[in-house]
Structures are given as C-alpha cells and as structure tokens.
Amino acid sequence: MIQPHYDDKLNLTTFVCSGLVTAAEIEEQVKVLYRGTPSLHALWDYTDADVSALSPTDISAIAQFVKTASHSRAGGRTALVFPTDMLNNMASLLESISEIEVPDAKIKIFNDLDAALAWINA
C-alpha cells in the first residue's frame, strides 16, 4: 500500500509505502504525482515496505515514464529511503534505479529518513 502526503510548506509529496508494494502501485502514484502541477520534491519511504515483487524490468518501465514527465519538476529532488538490510539485498534493483537519469532533477537513495529530508531541504 502507498499513502501519499503533501506538505505545501516544503513543496514535498511523501509516499509512505507499507506491505507488499507492486510496480503497478508505484506507477499509479507516479502518475498522480505528475497530474496537474506536481510538488517540486518527492520522498518515497520504503522503510516498512516489501519490494520483493519488483524486478529490474519494473524499475526500468517506471523510469521511462518518469523521464517523459520530469520536465514539470525541473530543479526538484526525489529521495528513496530503504532500510539498510533491504539495501544490502537489492543489488539488481539498485542498479536499475541508478540508471534513472532525469534532466533537471536529482534522485538519491538513503537509509535514513532524516538524512533524506535534510538533502531535499538543502
């Protein structure tokens, strides 16, 4: 399940992910983010999520969509937060994520929510 939360003051949408998260859910939330005028920044909190259903192919498909819509978030930052143990077990997904190139926006992976928020607000 993915629950989006918008913070007008920070111009930030936080996506809190829990339980088994599928590519279809992520794609739907990305589409919602880019409808209309999206927030400048996004934080995806996977600290309570199970991403075992995601494949590198899924990540590549999501990345392709993000590339086509990213112009509306020029200058924005996206933080992906995973628990350390999950990061250690997802090498193939991380490789796919690292290939996401979004013009005029930055994407970074963290294992700490506070560090991710500090980076977004820097």
PDB file of N, CA and C in Angstrom:
ATOM      1  N   MET A   1       0.845  -1.176   0.000  1.00  0.00           N
ATOM      2  CA  MET A   1       0.000   0.000   0.000  1.00  0.00           C
ATOM      3  C   MET A   1       0.894   1.243   0.000  1.00  0.00           C
ATOM      4  N   ILE A   2       0.458   2.260  -0.721  1.00  0.00           N
ATOM      5  CA  ILE A   2       1.193   3.519  -0.788  1.00  0.00           C
ATOM      6  C   ILE A   2       0.240   4.651  -0.440  1.00  0.00           C
ATOM      7  N   GLN A   3       0.617   5.429   0.574  1.00  0.00           N
ATOM      8  CA  GLN A   3      -0.183   6.570   1.015  1.00  0.00           C
ATOM      9  C   GLN A   3       0.597   7.858   0.736  1.00  0.00           C
ATOM     10  N   PRO A   4       0.101   8.711  -0.164  1.00  0.00           N
ATOM     11  CA  PRO A   4       0.779   9.985  -0.410  1.00  0.00           C
ATOM     12  C   PRO A   4       0.356  11.047   0.606  1.00  0.00           C
ATOM     13  N   HIS A   5       1.297  11.894   0.977  1.00  0.00           N
ATOM     14  CA  HIS A   5       1.044  13.020   1.888  1.00  0.00           C
ATOM     15  C   HIS A   5       1.737  14.240   1.303  1.00  0.00           C
ATOM     16  N   TYR A   6       0.990  15.345   1.164  1.00  0.00           N
ATOM     17  CA  TYR A   6       1.555  16.554   0.577  1.00  0.00           C
ATOM     18  C   TYR A   6       1.809  17.592   1.659  1.00  0.00           C
ATOM     19  N   ASP A   7       2.996  18.187   1.640  1.00  0.00           N
ATOM     20  CA  ASP A   7       3.367  19.256   2.561  1.00  0.00           C
ATOM     21  C   ASP A   7       3.574  20.519   1.725  1.00  0.00           C
ATOM     22  N   ASP A   8       2.591  21.426   1.789  1.00  0.00           N
ATOM     23  CA  ASP A   8       2.614  22.651   0.994  1.00  0.00           C
ATOM     24  C   ASP A   8       3.822  23.515   1.338  1.00  0.00           C
ATOM     25  N   LYS A   9       4.165  23.596   2.622  1.00  0.00           N
ATOM     26  CA  LYS A   9       5.272  24.440   3.075  1.00  0.00           C
ATOM     27  C   LYS A   9       6.604  23.999   2.453  1.00  0.00           C
ATOM     28  N   LEU A  10       6.817  22.681   2.353  1.00  0.00           N
ATOM     29  CA  LEU A  10       8.064  22.152   1.802  1.00  0.00           C
ATOM     30  C   LEU A  10       7.972  21.846   0.303  1.00  0.00           C
ATOM     31  N   ASN A  11       6.746  21.995  -0.262  1.00  0.00           N
ATOM     32  CA  ASN A  11       6.510  21.636  -1.653  1.00  0.00           C
ATOM     33  C   ASN A  11       6.987  20.197  -1.898  1.00  0.00           C
ATOM     34  N   LEU A  12       6.553  19.302  -0.991  1.00  0.00           N
ATOM     35  CA  LEU A  12       7.036  17.924  -0.934  1.00  0.00           C
ATOM     36  C   LEU A  12       5.863  16.956  -0.851  1.00  0.00           C
ATOM     37  N   THR A  13       5.905  15.930  -1.695  1.00  0.00           N
ATOM     38  CA  THR A  13       4.975  14.820  -1.563  1.00  0.00           C
ATOM     39  C   THR A  13       5.753  13.636  -1.023  1.00  0.00           C
ATOM     40  N   THR A  14       5.297  13.105   0.109  1.00  0.00           N
ATOM     41  CA  THR A  14       5.901  11.916   0.706  1.00  0.00           C
ATOM     42  C   THR A  14       4.994  10.732   0.424  1.00  0.00           C
ATOM     43  N   PHE A  15       5.587   9.674  -0.091  1.00  0.00           N
ATOM     44  CA  PHE A  15       4.852   8.449  -0.368  1.00  0.00           C
ATOM     45  C   PHE A  15       5.282   7.418   0.667  1.00  0.00           C
ATOM     46  N   VAL A  16       4.381   7.097   1.590  1.00  0.00           N
ATOM     47  CA  VAL A  16       4.681   6.132   2.644  1.00  0.00           C
ATOM     48  C   VAL A  16       4.224   4.761   2.149  1.00  0.00           C
ATOM     49  N   CYS A  17       5.179   3.873   1.962  1.00  0.00           N
ATOM     50  CA  CYS A  17       4.911   2.547   1.415  1.00  0.00           C
ATOM     51  C   CYS A  17       4.957   1.513   2.536  1.00  0.00           C
ATOM     52  N   SER A  18       3.980   0.612   2.532  1.00  0.00           N
ATOM     53  CA  SER A  18       3.963  -0.446   3.543  1.00  0.00           C
ATOM     54  C   SER A  18       3.439  -1.733   2.927  1.00  0.00           C
ATOM     55  N   GLY A  19       3.851  -2.849   3.511  1.00  0.00           N
ATOM     56  CA  GLY A  19       3.443  -4.137   2.975  1.00  0.00           C
ATOM     57  C   GLY A  19       4.056  -4.372   1.606  1.00  0.00           C
ATOM     58  N   LEU A  20       3.489  -5.335   0.876  1.00  0.00           N
ATOM     59  CA  LEU A  20       3.993  -5.653  -0.450  1.00  0.00           C
ATOM     60  C   LEU A  20       3.645  -4.518  -1.415  1.00  0.00           C
ATOM     61  N   VAL A  21       4.656  -3.960  -2.054  1.00  0.00           N
ATOM     62  CA  VAL A  21       4.478  -2.860  -2.999  1.00  0.00           C
ATOM     63  C   VAL A  21       4.738  -3.395  -4.399  1.00  0.00           C
ATOM     64  N   THR A  22       3.803  -3.134  -5.303  1.00  0.00           N
ATOM     65  CA  THR A  22       3.934  -3.609  -6.679  1.00  0.00           C
ATOM     66  C   THR A  22       4.307  -2.477  -7.613  1.00  0.00           C
ATOM     67  N   ALA A  23       4.799  -2.856  -8.775  1.00  0.00           N
ATOM     68  CA  ALA A  23       5.143  -1.862  -9.791  1.00  0.00           C
ATOM     69  C   ALA A  23       3.906  -1.074 -10.213  1.00  0.00           C
ATOM     70  N   ALA A  24       2.773  -1.756 -10.315  1.00  0.00           N
ATOM     71  CA  ALA A  24       1.535  -1.073 -10.715  1.00  0.00           C
ATOM     72  C   ALA A  24       1.161   0.016  -9.714  1.00  0.00           C
ATOM     73  N   GLU A  25       1.342  -0.245  -8.424  1.00  0.00           N
ATOM     74  CA  GLU A  25       1.042   0.769  -7.403  1.00  0.00           C
ATOM     75  C   GLU A  25       1.968   1.969  -7.534  1.00  0.00           C
ATOM     76  N   ILE A  26       3.246   1.693  -7.724  1.00  0.00           N
ATOM     77  CA  ILE A  26       4.214   2.786  -7.863  1.00  0.00           C
ATOM     78  C   ILE A  26       3.882   3.607  -9.102  1.00  0.00           C
ATOM     79  N   GLU A  27       3.622   2.930 -10.221  1.00  0.00           N
ATOM     80  CA  GLU A  27       3.288   3.634 -11.451  1.00  0.00           C
ATOM     81  C   GLU A  27       2.065   4.522 -11.268  1.00  0.00           C
ATOM     82  N   GLU A  28       1.048   4.023 -10.579  1.00  0.00           N
ATOM     83  CA  GLU A  28      -0.165   4.814 -10.351  1.00  0.00           C
ATOM     84  C   GLU A  28       0.149   6.060  -9.529  1.00  0.00           C
ATOM     85  N   GLN A  29       0.952   5.917  -8.481  1.00  0.00           N
ATOM     86  CA  GLN A  29       1.297   7.064  -7.642  1.00  0.00           C
ATOM     87  C   GLN A  29       2.170   8.065  -8.394  1.00  0.00           C
ATOM     88  N   VAL A  30       3.066   7.572  -9.256  1.00  0.00           N
ATOM     89  CA  VAL A  30       3.886   8.477 -10.067  1.00  0.00           C
ATOM     90  C   VAL A  30       2.984   9.266 -11.014  1.00  0.00           C
ATOM     91  N   LYS A  31       2.000   8.602 -11.601  1.00  0.00           N
ATOM     92  CA  LYS A  31       1.058   9.296 -12.482  1.00  0.00           C
ATOM     93  C   LYS A  31       0.280  10.361 -11.719  1.00  0.00           C
ATOM     94  N   VAL A  32      -0.139  10.036 -10.494  1.00  0.00           N
ATOM     95  CA  VAL A  32      -0.850  11.014  -9.657  1.00  0.00           C
ATOM     96  C   VAL A  32       0.060  12.199  -9.368  1.00  0.00           C
ATOM     97  N   LEU A  33       1.327  11.928  -9.048  1.00  0.00           N
ATOM     98  CA  LEU A  33       2.290  12.999  -8.756  1.00  0.00           C
ATOM     99  C   LEU A  33       2.412  13.965  -9.925  1.00  0.00           C
ATOM    100  N   TYR A  34       2.433  13.435 -11.143  1.00  0.00           N
ATOM    101  CA  TYR A  34       2.657  14.280 -12.307  1.00  0.00           C
ATOM    102  C   TYR A  34       1.393  14.862 -12.919  1.00  0.00           C
ATOM    103  N   ARG A  35       0.226  14.534 -12.383  1.00  0.00           N
ATOM    104  CA  ARG A  35      -1.014  15.153 -12.869  1.00  0.00           C
ATOM    105  C   ARG A  35      -1.058  16.601 -12.425  1.00  0.00           C
ATOM    106  N   GLY A  36      -1.499  17.462 -13.273  1.00  0.00           N
ATOM    107  CA  GLY A  36      -1.609  18.866 -12.889  1.00  0.00           C
ATOM    108  C   GLY A  36      -0.238  19.453 -12.614  1.00  0.00           C
ATOM    109  N   THR A  37      -0.110  20.135 -11.488  1.00  0.00           N
ATOM    110  CA  THR A  37       1.160  20.723 -11.076  1.00  0.00           C
ATOM    111  C   THR A  37       1.720  19.899  -9.931  1.00  0.00           C
ATOM    112  N   PRO A  38       2.767  19.109 -10.178  1.00  0.00           N
ATOM    113  CA  PRO A  38       3.303  18.251  -9.123  1.00  0.00           C
ATOM    114  C   PRO A  38       4.112  19.042  -8.109  1.00  0.00           C
ATOM    115  N   SER A  39       4.291  18.451  -6.929  1.00  0.00           N
ATOM    116  CA  SER A  39       5.173  19.075  -5.947  1.00  0.00           C
ATOM    117  C   SER A  39       6.592  19.045  -6.522  1.00  0.00           C
ATOM    118  N   LEU A  40       7.401  19.995  -6.098  1.00  0.00           N
ATOM    119  CA  LEU A  40       8.771  20.072  -6.593  1.00  0.00           C
ATOM    120  C   LEU A  40       9.589  18.870  -6.133  1.00  0.00           C
ATOM    121  N   HIS A  41       9.374  18.447  -4.887  1.00  0.00           N
ATOM    122  CA  HIS A  41      10.164  17.361  -4.299  1.00  0.00           C
ATOM    123  C   HIS A  41       9.283  16.160  -3.975  1.00  0.00           C
ATOM    124  N   ALA A  42       9.923  14.998  -3.934  1.00  0.00           N
ATOM    125  CA  ALA A  42       9.215  13.766  -3.565  1.00  0.00           C
ATOM    126  C   ALA A  42      10.121  12.916  -2.688  1.00  0.00           C
ATOM    127  N   LEU A  43       9.506  12.261  -1.730  1.00  0.00           N
ATOM    128  CA  LEU A  43      10.221  11.329  -0.859  1.00  0.00           C
ATOM    129  C   LEU A  43       9.426  10.029  -0.847  1.00  0.00           C
ATOM    130  N   TRP A  44      10.090   8.945  -1.209  1.00  0.00           N
ATOM    131  CA  TRP A  44       9.472   7.623  -1.203  1.00  0.00           C
ATOM    132  C   TRP A  44      10.023   6.862  -0.010  1.00  0.00           C
ATOM    133  N   ASP A  45       9.174   6.615   0.986  1.00  0.00           N
ATOM    134  CA  ASP A  45       9.574   5.942   2.223  1.00  0.00           C
ATOM    135  C   ASP A  45       9.224   4.458   2.129  1.00  0.00           C
ATOM    136  N   TYR A  46      10.241   3.640   1.875  1.00  0.00           N
ATOM    137  CA  TYR A  46      10.069   2.188   1.774  1.00  0.00           C
ATOM    138  C   TYR A  46      10.502   1.471   3.051  1.00  0.00           C
ATOM    139  N   THR A  47      10.633   2.191   4.158  1.00  0.00           N
ATOM    140  CA  THR A  47      11.170   1.574   5.372  1.00  0.00           C
ATOM    141  C   THR A  47      10.276   0.487   5.952  1.00  0.00           C
ATOM    142  N   ASP A  48       8.973   0.505   5.666  1.00  0.00           N
ATOM    143  CA  ASP A  48       8.064  -0.537   6.136  1.00  0.00           C
ATOM    144  C   ASP A  48       7.467  -1.325   4.977  1.00  0.00           C
ATOM    145  N   ALA A  49       8.160  -1.359   3.852  1.00  0.00           N
ATOM    146  CA  ALA A  49       7.620  -1.990   2.649  1.00  0.00           C
ATOM    147  C   ALA A  49       8.366  -3.278   2.319  1.00  0.00           C
ATOM    148  N   ASP A  50       7.707  -4.088   1.527  1.00  0.00           N
ATOM    149  CA  ASP A  50       8.282  -5.297   0.960  1.00  0.00           C
ATOM    150  C   ASP A  50       8.352  -5.063  -0.544  1.00  0.00           C
ATOM    151  N   VAL A  51       9.559  -4.957  -1.083  1.00  0.00           N
ATOM    152  CA  VAL A  51       9.722  -4.672  -2.508  1.00  0.00           C
ATOM    153  C   VAL A  51      10.133  -5.920  -3.291  1.00  0.00           C
ATOM    154  N   SER A  52       9.907  -7.085  -2.713  1.00  0.00           N
ATOM    155  CA  SER A  52      10.338  -8.332  -3.346  1.00  0.00           C
ATOM    156  C   SER A  52       9.628  -8.608  -4.668  1.00  0.00           C
ATOM    157  N   ALA A  53       8.487  -7.982  -4.904  1.00  0.00           N
ATOM    158  CA  ALA A  53       7.745  -8.192  -6.154  1.00  0.00           C
ATOM    159  C   ALA A  53       8.288  -7.339  -7.295  1.00  0.00           C
ATOM    160  N   LEU A  54       9.194  -6.406  -7.014  1.00  0.00           N
ATOM    161  CA  LEU A  54       9.730  -5.516  -8.051  1.00  0.00           C
ATOM    162  C   LEU A  54      10.922  -6.170  -8.744  1.00  0.00           C
ATOM    163  N   SER A  55      10.979  -5.988 -10.047  1.00  0.00           N
ATOM    164  CA  SER A  55      12.104  -6.508 -10.823  1.00  0.00           C
ATOM    165  C   SER A  55      12.845  -5.334 -11.462  1.00  0.00           C
ATOM    166  N   PRO A  56      14.061  -5.579 -11.932  1.00  0.00           N
ATOM    167  CA  PRO A  56      14.762  -4.518 -12.659  1.00  0.00           C
ATOM    168  C   PRO A  56      13.953  -4.022 -13.864  1.00  0.00           C
ATOM    169  N   THR A  57      13.213  -4.909 -14.518  1.00  0.00           N
ATOM    170  CA  THR A  57      12.364  -4.521 -15.650  1.00  0.00           C
ATOM    171  C   THR A  57      11.269  -3.559 -15.196  1.00  0.00           C
ATOM    172  N   ASP A  58      10.677  -3.827 -14.015  1.00  0.00           N
ATOM    173  CA  ASP A  58       9.661  -2.928 -13.467  1.00  0.00           C
ATOM    174  C   ASP A  58      10.245  -1.538 -13.236  1.00  0.00           C
ATOM    175  N   ILE A  59      11.425  -1.486 -12.634  1.00  0.00           N
ATOM    176  CA  ILE A  59      12.070  -0.204 -12.329  1.00  0.00           C
ATOM    177  C   ILE A  59      12.373   0.548 -13.624  1.00  0.00           C
ATOM    178  N   SER A  60      12.835  -0.169 -14.638  1.00  0.00           N
ATOM    179  CA  SER A  60      13.127   0.480 -15.925  1.00  0.00           C
ATOM    180  C   SER A  60      11.864   1.068 -16.550  1.00  0.00           C
ATOM    181  N   ALA A  61      10.749   0.351 -16.446  1.00  0.00           N
ATOM    182  CA  ALA A  61       9.489   0.850 -17.006  1.00  0.00           C
ATOM    183  C   ALA A  61       9.034   2.104 -16.268  1.00  0.00           C
ATOM    184  N   ILE A  62       9.156   2.102 -14.954  1.00  0.00           N
ATOM    185  CA  ILE A  62       8.801   3.288 -14.161  1.00  0.00           C
ATOM    186  C   ILE A  62       9.721   4.446 -14.543  1.00  0.00           C
ATOM    187  N   ALA A  63      10.999   4.152 -14.702  1.00  0.00           N
ATOM    188  CA  ALA A  63      11.969   5.191 -15.061  1.00  0.00           C
ATOM    189  C   ALA A  63      11.630   5.829 -16.397  1.00  0.00           C
ATOM    190  N   GLN A  64      11.193   5.029 -17.353  1.00  0.00           N
ATOM    191  CA  GLN A  64      10.834   5.572 -18.662  1.00  0.00           C
ATOM    192  C   GLN A  64       9.683   6.565 -18.542  1.00  0.00           C
ATOM    193  N   PHE A  65       8.691   6.235 -17.727  1.00  0.00           N
ATOM    194  CA  PHE A  65       7.572   7.161 -17.531  1.00  0.00           C
ATOM    195  C   PHE A  65       8.049   8.440 -16.854  1.00  0.00           C
ATOM    196  N   VAL A  66       8.871   8.296 -15.829  1.00  0.00           N
ATOM    197  CA  VAL A  66       9.362   9.470 -15.092  1.00  0.00           C
ATOM    198  C   VAL A  66      10.135  10.390 -16.037  1.00  0.00           C
ATOM    199  N   LYS A  67      10.935   9.823 -16.910  1.00  0.00           N
ATOM    200  CA  LYS A  67      11.712  10.634 -17.852  1.00  0.00           C
ATOM    201  C   LYS A  67      10.813  11.485 -18.740  1.00  0.00           C
ATOM    202  N   THR A  68       9.674  10.937 -19.149  1.00  0.00           N
ATOM    203  CA  THR A  68       8.790  11.679 -20.039  1.00  0.00           C
ATOM    204  C   THR A  68       8.047  12.799 -19.324  1.00  0.00           C
ATOM    205  N   ALA A  69       7.890  12.691 -18.009  1.00  0.00           N
ATOM    206  CA  ALA A  69       7.101  13.682 -17.266  1.00  0.00           C
ATOM    207  C   ALA A  69       7.951  14.605 -16.400  1.00  0.00           C
ATOM    208  N   SER A  70       9.238  14.351 -16.294  1.00  0.00           N
ATOM    209  CA  SER A  70      10.078  15.056 -15.318  1.00  0.00           C
ATOM    210  C   SER A  70      10.254  16.542 -15.586  1.00  0.00           C
ATOM    211  N   HIS A  71       9.989  16.988 -16.802  1.00  0.00           N
ATOM    212  CA  HIS A  71      10.175  18.407 -17.115  1.00  0.00           C
ATOM    213  C   HIS A  71       9.341  19.308 -16.198  1.00  0.00           C
ATOM    214  N   SER A  72       8.252  18.769 -15.666  1.00  0.00           N
ATOM    215  CA  SER A  72       7.386  19.573 -14.804  1.00  0.00           C
ATOM    216  C   SER A  72       7.929  19.704 -13.380  1.00  0.00           C
ATOM    217  N   ARG A  73       9.029  19.023 -13.082  1.00  0.00           N
ATOM    218  CA  ARG A  73       9.637  19.115 -11.754  1.00  0.00           C
ATOM    219  C   ARG A  73      11.102  19.565 -11.854  1.00  0.00           C
ATOM    220  N   ALA A  74      11.409  20.390 -12.815  1.00  0.00           N
ATOM    221  CA  ALA A  74      12.779  20.863 -13.000  1.00  0.00           C
ATOM    222  C   ALA A  74      13.279  21.507 -11.715  1.00  0.00           C
ATOM    223  N   GLY A  75      14.470  21.097 -11.279  1.00  0.00           N
ATOM    224  CA  GLY A  75      15.050  21.604 -10.042  1.00  0.00           C
ATOM    225  C   GLY A  75      14.630  20.827  -8.809  1.00  0.00           C
ATOM    226  N   GLY A  76      13.762  19.859  -8.978  1.00  0.00           N
ATOM    227  CA  GLY A  76      13.272  19.085  -7.845  1.00  0.00           C
ATOM    228  C   GLY A  76      14.225  17.979  -7.426  1.00  0.00           C
ATOM    229  N   ARG A  77      13.951  17.445  -6.252  1.00  0.00           N
ATOM    230  CA  ARG A  77      14.735  16.336  -5.715  1.00  0.00           C
ATOM    231  C   ARG A  77      13.791  15.207  -5.316  1.00  0.00           C
ATOM    232  N   THR A  78      14.238  13.986  -5.572  1.00  0.00           N
ATOM    233  CA  THR A  78      13.495  12.806  -5.160  1.00  0.00           C
ATOM    234  C   THR A  78      14.410  11.937  -4.329  1.00  0.00           C
ATOM    235  N   ALA A  79      13.973  11.620  -3.116  1.00  0.00           N
ATOM    236  CA  ALA A  79      14.727  10.747  -2.220  1.00  0.00           C
ATOM    237  C   ALA A  79      13.981   9.421  -2.088  1.00  0.00           C
ATOM    238  N   LEU A  80      14.718   8.332  -2.200  1.00  0.00           N
ATOM    239  CA  LEU A  80      14.189   6.990  -1.976  1.00  0.00           C
ATOM    240  C   LEU A  80      14.824   6.475  -0.702  1.00  0.00           C
ATOM    241  N   VAL A  81      14.010   6.081   0.278  1.00  0.00           N
ATOM    242  CA  VAL A  81      14.545   5.657   1.575  1.00  0.00           C
ATOM    243  C   VAL A  81      14.202   4.188   1.799  1.00  0.00           C
ATOM    244  N   PHE A  82      15.250   3.382   2.008  1.00  0.00           N
ATOM    245  CA  PHE A  82      15.112   1.958   2.267  1.00  0.00           C
ATOM    246  C   PHE A  82      15.856   1.625   3.562  1.00  0.00           C
ATOM    247  N   PRO A  83      15.388   0.629   4.319  1.00  0.00           N
ATOM    248  CA  PRO A  83      16.168   0.196   5.480  1.00  0.00           C
ATOM    249  C   PRO A  83      17.494  -0.415   5.004  1.00  0.00           C
ATOM    250  N   THR A  84      18.516  -0.311   5.824  1.00  0.00           N
ATOM    251  CA  THR A  84      19.855  -0.786   5.455  1.00  0.00           C
ATOM    252  C   THR A  84      19.845  -2.249   5.046  1.00  0.00           C
ATOM    253  N   ASP A  85      19.155  -3.105   5.798  1.00  0.00           N
ATOM    254  CA  ASP A  85      19.158  -4.528   5.456  1.00  0.00           C
ATOM    255  C   ASP A  85      18.510  -4.777   4.096  1.00  0.00           C
ATOM    256  N   MET A  86      17.505  -3.997   3.758  1.00  0.00           N
ATOM    257  CA  MET A  86      16.872  -4.134   2.449  1.00  0.00           C
ATOM    258  C   MET A  86      17.845  -3.690   1.353  1.00  0.00           C
ATOM    259  N   LEU A  87      18.556  -2.602   1.588  1.00  0.00           N
ATOM    260  CA  LEU A  87      19.526  -2.125   0.603  1.00  0.00           C
ATOM    261  C   LEU A  87      20.581  -3.184   0.313  1.00  0.00           C
ATOM    262  N   ASN A  88      20.992  -3.899   1.355  1.00  0.00           N
ATOM    263  CA  ASN A  88      22.019  -4.924   1.186  1.00  0.00           C
ATOM    264  C   ASN A  88      21.535  -6.092   0.327  1.00  0.00           C
ATOM    265  N   ASN A  89      20.225  -6.284   0.215  1.00  0.00           N
ATOM    266  CA  ASN A  89      19.676  -7.429  -0.506  1.00  0.00           C
ATOM    267  C   ASN A  89      19.079  -7.079  -1.870  1.00  0.00           C
ATOM    268  N   MET A  90      19.232  -5.863  -2.315  1.00  0.00           N
ATOM    269  CA  MET A  90      18.572  -5.477  -3.555  1.00  0.00           C
ATOM    270  C   MET A  90      19.513  -4.889  -4.596  1.00  0.00           C
ATOM    271  N   ALA A  91      20.642  -5.525  -4.781  1.00  0.00           N
ATOM    272  CA  ALA A  91      21.660  -5.020  -5.703  1.00  0.00           C
ATOM    273  C   ALA A  91      21.114  -4.817  -7.118  1.00  0.00           C
ATOM    274  N   SER A  92      20.335  -5.764  -7.641  1.00  0.00           N
ATOM    275  CA  SER A  92      19.859  -5.629  -9.021  1.00  0.00           C
ATOM    276  C   SER A  92      18.880  -4.470  -9.168  1.00  0.00           C
ATOM    277  N   LEU A  93      18.046  -4.242  -8.146  1.00  0.00           N
ATOM    278  CA  LEU A  93      17.128  -3.110  -8.207  1.00  0.00           C
ATOM    279  C   LEU A  93      17.877  -1.796  -8.113  1.00  0.00           C
ATOM    280  N   LEU A  94      18.871  -1.745  -7.239  1.00  0.00           N
ATOM    281  CA  LEU A  94      19.639  -0.511  -7.079  1.00  0.00           C
ATOM    282  C   LEU A  94      20.362  -0.154  -8.371  1.00  0.00           C
ATOM    283  N   GLU A  95      20.839  -1.160  -9.072  1.00  0.00           N
ATOM    284  CA  GLU A  95      21.497  -0.909 -10.348  1.00  0.00           C
ATOM    285  C   GLU A  95      20.510  -0.286 -11.334  1.00  0.00           C
ATOM    286  N   SER A  96      19.286  -0.792 -11.360  1.00  0.00           N
ATOM    287  CA  SER A  96      18.256  -0.243 -12.244  1.00  0.00           C
ATOM    288  C   SER A  96      17.894   1.179 -11.835  1.00  0.00           C
ATOM    289  N   ILE A  97      17.766   1.421 -10.528  1.00  0.00           N
ATOM    290  CA  ILE A  97      17.438   2.755 -10.036  1.00  0.00           C
ATOM    291  C   ILE A  97      18.550   3.740 -10.402  1.00  0.00           C
ATOM    292  N   SER A  98      19.789   3.291 -10.286  1.00  0.00           N
ATOM    293  CA  SER A  98      20.913   4.191 -10.562  1.00  0.00           C
ATOM    294  C   SER A  98      20.968   4.609 -12.026  1.00  0.00           C
ATOM    295  N   GLU A  99      20.296   3.856 -12.908  1.00  0.00           N
ATOM    296  CA  GLU A  99      20.285   4.197 -14.328  1.00  0.00           C
ATOM    297  C   GLU A  99      19.232   5.252 -14.670  1.00  0.00           C
ATOM    298  N   ILE A 100      18.383   5.607 -13.694  1.00  0.00           N
ATOM    299  CA  ILE A 100      17.359   6.614 -13.950  1.00  0.00           C
ATOM    300  C   ILE A 100      18.041   7.975 -14.071  1.00  0.00           C
ATOM    301  N   GLU A 101      17.946   8.551 -15.235  1.00  0.00           N
ATOM    302  CA  GLU A 101      18.500   9.879 -15.463  1.00  0.00           C
ATOM    303  C   GLU A 101      17.350  10.812 -15.771  1.00  0.00           C
ATOM    304  N   VAL A 102      17.160  11.779 -14.914  1.00  0.00           N
ATOM    305  CA  VAL A 102      16.061  12.719 -15.087  1.00  0.00           C
ATOM    306  C   VAL A 102      16.656  14.111 -15.270  1.00  0.00           C
ATOM    307  N   PRO A 103      16.473  14.697 -16.454  1.00  0.00           N
ATOM    308  CA  PRO A 103      17.024  16.031 -16.685  1.00  0.00           C
ATOM    309  C   PRO A 103      16.466  17.041 -15.677  1.00  0.00           C
ATOM    310  N   ASP A 104      17.331  17.881 -15.172  1.00  0.00           N
ATOM    311  CA  ASP A 104      16.946  18.983 -14.286  1.00  0.00           C
ATOM    312  C   ASP A 104      16.348  18.542 -12.952  1.00  0.00           C
ATOM    313  N   ALA A 105      16.501  17.296 -12.568  1.00  0.00           N
ATOM    314  CA  ALA A 105      16.023  16.829 -11.266  1.00  0.00           C
ATOM    315  C   ALA A 105      17.064  15.845 -10.721  1.00  0.00           C
ATOM    316  N   LYS A 106      17.046  15.641  -9.423  1.00  0.00           N
ATOM    317  CA  LYS A 106      18.021  14.756  -8.791  1.00  0.00           C
ATOM    318  C   LYS A 106      17.305  13.649  -8.041  1.00  0.00           C
ATOM    319  N   ILE A 107      17.890  12.457  -8.085  1.00  0.00           N
ATOM    320  CA  ILE A 107      17.371  11.304  -7.364  1.00  0.00           C
ATOM    321  C   ILE A 107      18.509  10.734  -6.530  1.00  0.00           C
ATOM    322  N   LYS A 108      18.214  10.441  -5.258  1.00  0.00           N
ATOM    323  CA  LYS A 108      19.242   9.906  -4.377  1.00  0.00           C
ATOM    324  C   LYS A 108      18.620   8.860  -3.452  1.00  0.00           C
ATOM    325  N   ILE A 109      19.400   7.834  -3.116  1.00  0.00           N
ATOM    326  CA  ILE A 109      18.942   6.750  -2.249  1.00  0.00           C
ATOM    327  C   ILE A 109      19.542   6.924  -0.858  1.00  0.00           C
ATOM    328  N   PHE A 110      18.699   6.724   0.165  1.00  0.00           N
ATOM    329  CA  PHE A 110      19.106   6.876   1.565  1.00  0.00           C
ATOM    330  C   PHE A 110      18.667   5.668   2.378  1.00  0.00           C
ATOM    331  N   ASN A 111      19.281   5.525   3.566  1.00  0.00           N
ATOM    332  CA  ASN A 111      18.820   4.531   4.535  1.00  0.00           C
ATOM    333  C   ASN A 111      18.332   5.214   5.814  1.00  0.00           C
ATOM    334  N   ASP A 112      18.130   6.539   5.741  1.00  0.00           N
ATOM    335  CA  ASP A 112      17.712   7.307   6.909  1.00  0.00           C
ATOM    336  C   ASP A 112      16.767   8.430   6.457  1.00  0.00           C
ATOM    337  N   LEU A 113      15.572   8.473   7.036  1.00  0.00           N
ATOM    338  CA  LEU A 113      14.585   9.488   6.658  1.00  0.00           C
ATOM    339  C   LEU A 113      15.054  10.907   6.941  1.00  0.00           C
ATOM    340  N   ASP A 114      15.689  11.115   8.094  1.00  0.00           N
ATOM    341  CA  ASP A 114      16.149  12.461   8.445  1.00  0.00           C
ATOM    342  C   ASP A 114      17.192  12.967   7.450  1.00  0.00           C
ATOM    343  N   ALA A 115      18.099  12.095   7.048  1.00  0.00           N
ATOM    344  CA  ALA A 115      19.125  12.480   6.070  1.00  0.00           C
ATOM    345  C   ALA A 115      18.459  12.807   4.726  1.00  0.00           C
ATOM    346  N   ALA A 116      17.461  12.035   4.342  1.00  0.00           N
ATOM    347  CA  ALA A 116      16.756  12.275   3.074  1.00  0.00           C
ATOM    348  C   ALA A 116      16.058  13.629   3.108  1.00  0.00           C
ATOM    349  N   LEU A 117      15.380  13.934   4.203  1.00  0.00           N
ATOM    350  CA  LEU A 117      14.696  15.228   4.317  1.00  0.00           C
ATOM    351  C   LEU A 117      15.684  16.387   4.329  1.00  0.00           C
ATOM    352  N   ALA A 118      16.823  16.206   4.996  1.00  0.00           N
ATOM    353  CA  ALA A 118      17.842  17.256   5.029  1.00  0.00           C
ATOM    354  C   ALA A 118      18.359  17.532   3.613  1.00  0.00           C
ATOM    355  N   TRP A 119      18.573  16.479   2.849  1.00  0.00           N
ATOM    356  CA  TRP A 119      19.039  16.642   1.468  1.00  0.00           C
ATOM    357  C   TRP A 119      17.992  17.347   0.603  1.00  0.00           C
ATOM    358  N   ILE A 120      16.740  16.950   0.761  1.00  0.00           N
ATOM    359  CA  ILE A 120      15.675  17.593  -0.018  1.00  0.00           C
ATOM    360  C   ILE A 120      15.582  19.083   0.316  1.00  0.00           C
ATOM    361  N   ASN A 121      15.750  19.424   1.577  1.00  0.00           N
ATOM    362  CA  ASN A 121      15.607  20.811   2.014  1.00  0.00           C
ATOM    363  C   ASN A 121      16.874  21.634   1.889  1.00  0.00           C
ATOM    364  N   ALA A 122      17.965  21.027   1.410  1.00  0.00           N
ATOM    365  CA  ALA A 122      19.249  21.735   1.308  1.00  0.00           C
ATOM    366  C   ALA A 122      19.214  22.798   0.227  1.00  0.00           C
TER     367      ALA A 122
END
